[in-house]
Amino acid sequence: QERLEESGGGLVQPGGSLRLSCAASESIFSGNSMSWYHQAPGKQREWVATIFNSGSTQYRNSVEGRFTISRDNAKNTLYLQMTSLNPGDTGVYFCNRPPYAVVSWGQGTQVTVSS
């Protein structure tokens, strides 16, 4: 059964850090590139970062240098280390395959950046 389960969100002050996790079923994760997405309040979901099966990574300009995507293939788990957070990073974060190969979405995890 396909599964995507995001966790690790919370309330953080501007400038703070969070590490998000995504536990995926093997059918989704194994051998596939994976991505993180962000849905800000009242806006559409947008792509944030991708880690390709080769291990190379790609980021949206606004998070380049602040966010780091990584994966643990043994655990079928995807991570997003977020630093220097700002209020614009507030929203729900989802994991999935890259935009050209998305599957059913999980519930996401809420990140709120506020003082």
N, C-alpha and C. Protein backbone atom coordinates (compact mmCIF):
# COMPACT_ATOMS: atom_id res chain seq x y z
N GLN A 1 0.85 -1.19 0.00
CA GLN A 1 0.00 0.00 0.00
C GLN A 1 0.88 1.24 0.00
N GLU A 2 0.56 2.20 -0.87
CA GLU A 2 1.35 3.41 -0.96
C GLU A 2 1.09 4.30 0.26
N ARG A 3 2.19 4.88 0.78
CA ARG A 3 2.07 5.71 1.98
C ARG A 3 3.12 6.79 1.97
N LEU A 4 2.72 7.99 2.32
CA LEU A 4 3.61 9.12 2.56
C LEU A 4 3.19 9.74 3.88
N GLU A 5 4.09 9.80 4.82
CA GLU A 5 3.76 10.33 6.14
C GLU A 5 4.81 11.34 6.56
N GLU A 6 4.42 12.61 6.54
CA GLU A 6 5.33 13.70 6.90
C GLU A 6 5.25 14.01 8.39
N SER A 7 6.35 14.44 8.96
CA SER A 7 6.39 14.80 10.38
C SER A 7 7.52 15.79 10.62
N GLY A 8 7.52 16.35 11.82
CA GLY A 8 8.62 17.23 12.22
C GLY A 8 8.31 18.71 12.19
N GLY A 9 7.13 19.07 11.74
CA GLY A 9 6.76 20.48 11.72
C GLY A 9 6.51 21.03 13.11
N GLY A 10 6.28 22.34 13.16
CA GLY A 10 6.01 22.97 14.43
C GLY A 10 6.11 24.48 14.33
N LEU A 11 6.09 25.12 15.49
CA LEU A 11 6.21 26.57 15.58
C LEU A 11 7.67 26.92 15.86
N VAL A 12 8.22 27.81 15.08
CA VAL A 12 9.61 28.19 15.25
C VAL A 12 9.75 29.70 15.03
N GLN A 13 10.67 30.30 15.73
CA GLN A 13 10.91 31.74 15.57
C GLN A 13 11.70 32.02 14.30
N PRO A 14 11.54 33.21 13.75
CA PRO A 14 12.37 33.58 12.58
C PRO A 14 13.85 33.38 12.88
N GLY A 15 14.54 32.82 11.91
CA GLY A 15 15.95 32.50 12.09
C GLY A 15 16.20 31.11 12.63
N GLY A 16 15.13 30.43 13.04
CA GLY A 16 15.27 29.11 13.62
C GLY A 16 15.39 28.01 12.59
N SER A 17 15.43 26.78 13.09
CA SER A 17 15.62 25.61 12.23
C SER A 17 14.61 24.52 12.57
N LEU A 18 14.33 23.70 11.59
CA LEU A 18 13.50 22.52 11.77
C LEU A 18 14.00 21.43 10.83
N ARG A 19 13.76 20.20 11.22
CA ARG A 19 14.08 19.06 10.34
C ARG A 19 12.80 18.28 10.11
N LEU A 20 12.37 18.23 8.88
CA LEU A 20 11.19 17.46 8.51
C LEU A 20 11.58 16.06 8.06
N SER A 21 10.68 15.13 8.32
CA SER A 21 10.89 13.75 7.89
C SER A 21 9.69 13.29 7.08
N CYS A 22 9.94 12.35 6.20
CA CYS A 22 8.87 11.76 5.40
C CYS A 22 9.12 10.26 5.31
N ALA A 23 8.24 9.50 5.94
CA ALA A 23 8.31 8.05 5.85
C ALA A 23 7.46 7.61 4.67
N ALA A 24 8.08 6.89 3.74
CA ALA A 24 7.37 6.50 2.52
C ALA A 24 7.34 4.99 2.38
N SER A 25 6.35 4.52 1.69
CA SER A 25 6.33 3.10 1.37
C SER A 25 7.42 2.81 0.34
N GLU A 26 7.90 1.59 0.36
CA GLU A 26 9.00 1.24 -0.52
C GLU A 26 8.62 1.40 -1.99
N SER A 27 7.37 1.15 -2.30
CA SER A 27 6.93 1.23 -3.70
C SER A 27 7.06 2.66 -4.24
N ILE A 28 6.93 3.63 -3.33
CA ILE A 28 7.06 5.02 -3.76
C ILE A 28 8.53 5.44 -3.76
N PHE A 29 9.25 5.02 -2.74
CA PHE A 29 10.57 5.58 -2.45
C PHE A 29 11.71 4.90 -3.19
N SER A 30 11.74 3.60 -3.12
CA SER A 30 12.90 2.85 -3.59
C SER A 30 13.20 3.09 -5.06
N GLY A 31 14.43 3.54 -5.33
CA GLY A 31 14.87 3.72 -6.70
C GLY A 31 14.32 4.95 -7.39
N ASN A 32 13.60 5.78 -6.65
CA ASN A 32 12.97 6.96 -7.26
C ASN A 32 13.51 8.26 -6.69
N SER A 33 13.54 9.28 -7.52
CA SER A 33 13.81 10.62 -7.02
C SER A 33 12.64 11.06 -6.14
N MET A 34 12.93 11.90 -5.17
CA MET A 34 11.90 12.36 -4.25
C MET A 34 12.00 13.87 -4.06
N SER A 35 10.87 14.47 -3.70
CA SER A 35 10.80 15.93 -3.60
C SER A 35 10.04 16.38 -2.37
N TRP A 36 10.29 17.62 -1.99
CA TRP A 36 9.48 18.30 -0.98
C TRP A 36 8.72 19.44 -1.67
N TYR A 37 7.52 19.70 -1.11
CA TYR A 37 6.65 20.75 -1.61
C TYR A 37 6.17 21.59 -0.43
N HIS A 38 5.78 22.83 -0.74
CA HIS A 38 5.32 23.77 0.28
C HIS A 38 4.02 24.42 -0.17
N GLN A 39 3.05 24.42 0.72
CA GLN A 39 1.80 25.11 0.43
C GLN A 39 1.61 26.20 1.47
N ALA A 40 1.83 27.44 1.07
CA ALA A 40 1.62 28.57 1.96
C ALA A 40 0.13 28.82 2.13
N PRO A 41 -0.28 29.46 3.23
CA PRO A 41 -1.71 29.71 3.47
C PRO A 41 -2.35 30.43 2.30
N GLY A 42 -3.44 29.87 1.78
CA GLY A 42 -4.18 30.49 0.71
C GLY A 42 -3.54 30.40 -0.66
N LYS A 43 -2.46 29.63 -0.78
CA LYS A 43 -1.76 29.53 -2.06
C LYS A 43 -1.67 28.08 -2.52
N GLN A 44 -1.29 27.92 -3.76
CA GLN A 44 -1.14 26.56 -4.30
C GLN A 44 0.15 25.93 -3.81
N ARG A 45 0.16 24.64 -3.81
CA ARG A 45 1.35 23.89 -3.45
C ARG A 45 2.45 24.13 -4.47
N GLU A 46 3.67 24.34 -3.98
CA GLU A 46 4.80 24.61 -4.86
C GLU A 46 5.96 23.66 -4.56
N TRP A 47 6.69 23.35 -5.57
CA TRP A 47 7.88 22.51 -5.43
C TRP A 47 8.97 23.26 -4.66
N VAL A 48 9.68 22.55 -3.79
CA VAL A 48 10.75 23.14 -2.99
C VAL A 48 12.12 22.56 -3.36
N ALA A 49 12.20 21.25 -3.39
CA ALA A 49 13.51 20.62 -3.60
C ALA A 49 13.32 19.19 -4.08
N THR A 50 14.30 18.70 -4.79
CA THR A 50 14.32 17.32 -5.27
C THR A 50 15.69 16.70 -5.00
N ILE A 51 15.67 15.45 -4.57
CA ILE A 51 16.90 14.67 -4.52
C ILE A 51 16.72 13.54 -5.53
N PHE A 52 17.59 13.52 -6.52
CA PHE A 52 17.48 12.53 -7.58
C PHE A 52 18.05 11.19 -7.10
N ASN A 53 17.72 10.17 -7.83
CA ASN A 53 18.18 8.85 -7.46
C ASN A 53 19.70 8.77 -7.45
N SER A 54 20.33 9.64 -8.22
CA SER A 54 21.80 9.70 -8.25
C SER A 54 22.39 10.31 -6.98
N GLY A 55 21.52 11.00 -6.23
CA GLY A 55 21.99 11.71 -5.04
C GLY A 55 22.16 13.19 -5.26
N SER A 56 22.12 13.64 -6.48
CA SER A 56 22.21 15.06 -6.74
C SER A 56 20.93 15.75 -6.29
N THR A 57 21.02 17.04 -6.05
CA THR A 57 19.90 17.77 -5.50
C THR A 57 19.62 19.04 -6.30
N GLN A 58 18.40 19.52 -6.15
CA GLN A 58 17.98 20.75 -6.82
C GLN A 58 17.02 21.47 -5.90
N TYR A 59 17.13 22.81 -5.85
CA TYR A 59 16.32 23.60 -4.93
C TYR A 59 15.66 24.78 -5.62
N ARG A 60 14.51 25.16 -5.07
CA ARG A 60 13.90 26.41 -5.48
C ARG A 60 14.81 27.53 -5.04
N ASN A 61 14.86 28.61 -5.82
CA ASN A 61 15.79 29.71 -5.54
C ASN A 61 15.64 30.26 -4.12
N SER A 62 14.41 30.36 -3.65
CA SER A 62 14.16 31.01 -2.37
C SER A 62 14.68 30.21 -1.18
N VAL A 63 14.98 28.94 -1.38
CA VAL A 63 15.47 28.12 -0.26
C VAL A 63 16.90 27.67 -0.46
N GLU A 64 17.47 27.97 -1.61
CA GLU A 64 18.86 27.57 -1.90
C GLU A 64 19.79 28.13 -0.82
N GLY A 65 20.60 27.26 -0.26
CA GLY A 65 21.53 27.67 0.79
C GLY A 65 20.96 27.63 2.18
N ARG A 66 19.65 27.50 2.31
CA ARG A 66 19.01 27.43 3.64
C ARG A 66 18.45 26.05 3.93
N PHE A 67 17.96 25.37 2.93
CA PHE A 67 17.35 24.05 3.09
C PHE A 67 18.27 22.99 2.49
N THR A 68 18.24 21.81 3.10
CA THR A 68 19.01 20.68 2.60
C THR A 68 18.11 19.44 2.55
N ILE A 69 17.98 18.87 1.38
CA ILE A 69 17.19 17.65 1.22
C ILE A 69 18.14 16.46 1.27
N SER A 70 17.70 15.41 1.94
CA SER A 70 18.52 14.20 2.02
C SER A 70 17.61 12.99 2.13
N ARG A 71 18.19 11.82 2.04
CA ARG A 71 17.38 10.60 2.09
C ARG A 71 18.16 9.48 2.76
N ASP A 72 17.42 8.58 3.39
CA ASP A 72 17.98 7.36 3.96
C ASP A 72 17.31 6.20 3.24
N ASN A 73 18.00 5.63 2.29
CA ASN A 73 17.40 4.59 1.47
C ASN A 73 17.08 3.32 2.28
N ALA A 74 17.84 3.06 3.31
CA ALA A 74 17.58 1.87 4.13
C ALA A 74 16.27 1.99 4.90
N LYS A 75 15.89 3.23 5.19
CA LYS A 75 14.67 3.47 5.99
C LYS A 75 13.52 3.99 5.14
N ASN A 76 13.73 4.12 3.83
CA ASN A 76 12.70 4.71 2.96
C ASN A 76 12.21 6.04 3.52
N THR A 77 13.14 6.87 3.93
CA THR A 77 12.79 8.13 4.59
C THR A 77 13.50 9.29 3.91
N LEU A 78 12.74 10.34 3.73
CA LEU A 78 13.21 11.58 3.13
C LEU A 78 13.28 12.65 4.21
N TYR A 79 14.26 13.53 4.12
CA TYR A 79 14.42 14.59 5.11
C TYR A 79 14.51 15.96 4.44
N LEU A 80 14.16 16.98 5.22
CA LEU A 80 14.38 18.35 4.79
C LEU A 80 14.87 19.14 6.00
N GLN A 81 16.14 19.49 5.99
CA GLN A 81 16.70 20.32 7.04
C GLN A 81 16.51 21.77 6.63
N MET A 82 15.80 22.51 7.46
CA MET A 82 15.47 23.90 7.15
C MET A 82 16.15 24.81 8.16
N THR A 83 16.90 25.78 7.70
CA THR A 83 17.57 26.73 8.56
C THR A 83 17.23 28.16 8.13
N SER A 84 17.57 29.11 8.98
CA SER A 84 17.29 30.52 8.69
C SER A 84 15.86 30.72 8.23
N LEU A 85 14.95 30.11 8.94
CA LEU A 85 13.54 30.17 8.55
C LEU A 85 12.99 31.59 8.67
N ASN A 86 12.10 31.93 7.77
CA ASN A 86 11.44 33.24 7.79
C ASN A 86 9.94 33.04 7.64
N PRO A 87 9.14 34.07 7.95
CA PRO A 87 7.68 33.90 7.89
C PRO A 87 7.18 33.41 6.54
N GLY A 88 7.88 33.67 5.47
CA GLY A 88 7.48 33.18 4.15
C GLY A 88 7.57 31.68 4.00
N ASP A 89 8.25 31.04 4.94
CA ASP A 89 8.36 29.58 4.91
C ASP A 89 7.18 28.90 5.60
N THR A 90 6.31 29.69 6.19
CA THR A 90 5.13 29.15 6.86
C THR A 90 4.23 28.42 5.88
N GLY A 91 3.69 27.30 6.31
CA GLY A 91 2.77 26.54 5.49
C GLY A 91 2.87 25.06 5.78
N VAL A 92 2.20 24.31 4.93
CA VAL A 92 2.22 22.85 5.06
C VAL A 92 3.24 22.28 4.07
N TYR A 93 4.06 21.38 4.57
CA TYR A 93 5.09 20.76 3.75
C TYR A 93 4.71 19.32 3.45
N PHE A 94 4.85 18.97 2.19
CA PHE A 94 4.52 17.63 1.73
C PHE A 94 5.73 17.01 1.04
N CYS A 95 5.80 15.70 1.10
CA CYS A 95 6.79 14.99 0.29
C CYS A 95 6.05 14.20 -0.78
N ASN A 96 6.75 13.92 -1.86
CA ASN A 96 6.19 13.14 -2.96
C ASN A 96 7.31 12.92 -3.96
N ARG A 97 6.99 12.27 -5.02
CA ARG A 97 7.95 12.17 -6.12
C ARG A 97 8.04 13.53 -6.80
N PRO A 98 8.97 13.71 -7.72
CA PRO A 98 9.07 14.98 -8.45
C PRO A 98 7.79 15.31 -9.20
N PRO A 99 7.63 16.59 -9.60
CA PRO A 99 6.36 17.04 -10.20
C PRO A 99 5.88 16.20 -11.40
N TYR A 100 6.78 15.58 -12.11
CA TYR A 100 6.38 14.81 -13.30
C TYR A 100 5.91 13.39 -12.95
N ALA A 101 5.96 13.05 -11.65
CA ALA A 101 5.63 11.67 -11.29
C ALA A 101 4.94 11.55 -9.94
N VAL A 102 4.16 12.58 -9.55
CA VAL A 102 3.55 12.55 -8.22
C VAL A 102 2.55 11.40 -8.09
N VAL A 103 2.44 10.94 -6.84
CA VAL A 103 1.44 9.95 -6.49
C VAL A 103 0.50 10.60 -5.47
N SER A 104 -0.35 9.80 -4.84
CA SER A 104 -1.29 10.38 -3.88
C SER A 104 -0.55 11.10 -2.76
N TRP A 105 -1.11 12.23 -2.32
CA TRP A 105 -0.46 13.06 -1.32
C TRP A 105 -0.75 12.56 0.10
N GLY A 106 0.21 12.82 0.99
CA GLY A 106 -0.02 12.57 2.41
C GLY A 106 -0.69 13.77 3.04
N GLN A 107 -0.72 13.78 4.38
CA GLN A 107 -1.38 14.85 5.12
C GLN A 107 -0.53 16.10 5.22
N GLY A 108 0.79 15.94 5.07
CA GLY A 108 1.68 17.08 5.22
C GLY A 108 1.97 17.37 6.68
N THR A 109 2.91 18.27 6.90
CA THR A 109 3.25 18.70 8.26
C THR A 109 3.32 20.23 8.28
N GLN A 110 2.70 20.81 9.29
CA GLN A 110 2.57 22.26 9.38
C GLN A 110 3.83 22.88 9.97
N VAL A 111 4.33 23.89 9.29
CA VAL A 111 5.45 24.69 9.79
C VAL A 111 4.96 26.13 9.93
N THR A 112 5.14 26.69 11.11
CA THR A 112 4.76 28.07 11.35
C THR A 112 5.98 28.83 11.86
N VAL A 113 6.35 29.87 11.13
CA VAL A 113 7.49 30.69 11.51
C VAL A 113 6.96 32.04 11.99
N SER A 114 7.06 32.25 13.27
CA SER A 114 6.48 33.45 13.86
C SER A 114 7.17 33.75 15.18
N SER A 115 7.24 35.04 15.49
CA SER A 115 7.78 35.45 16.78
C SER A 115 6.67 35.64 17.80
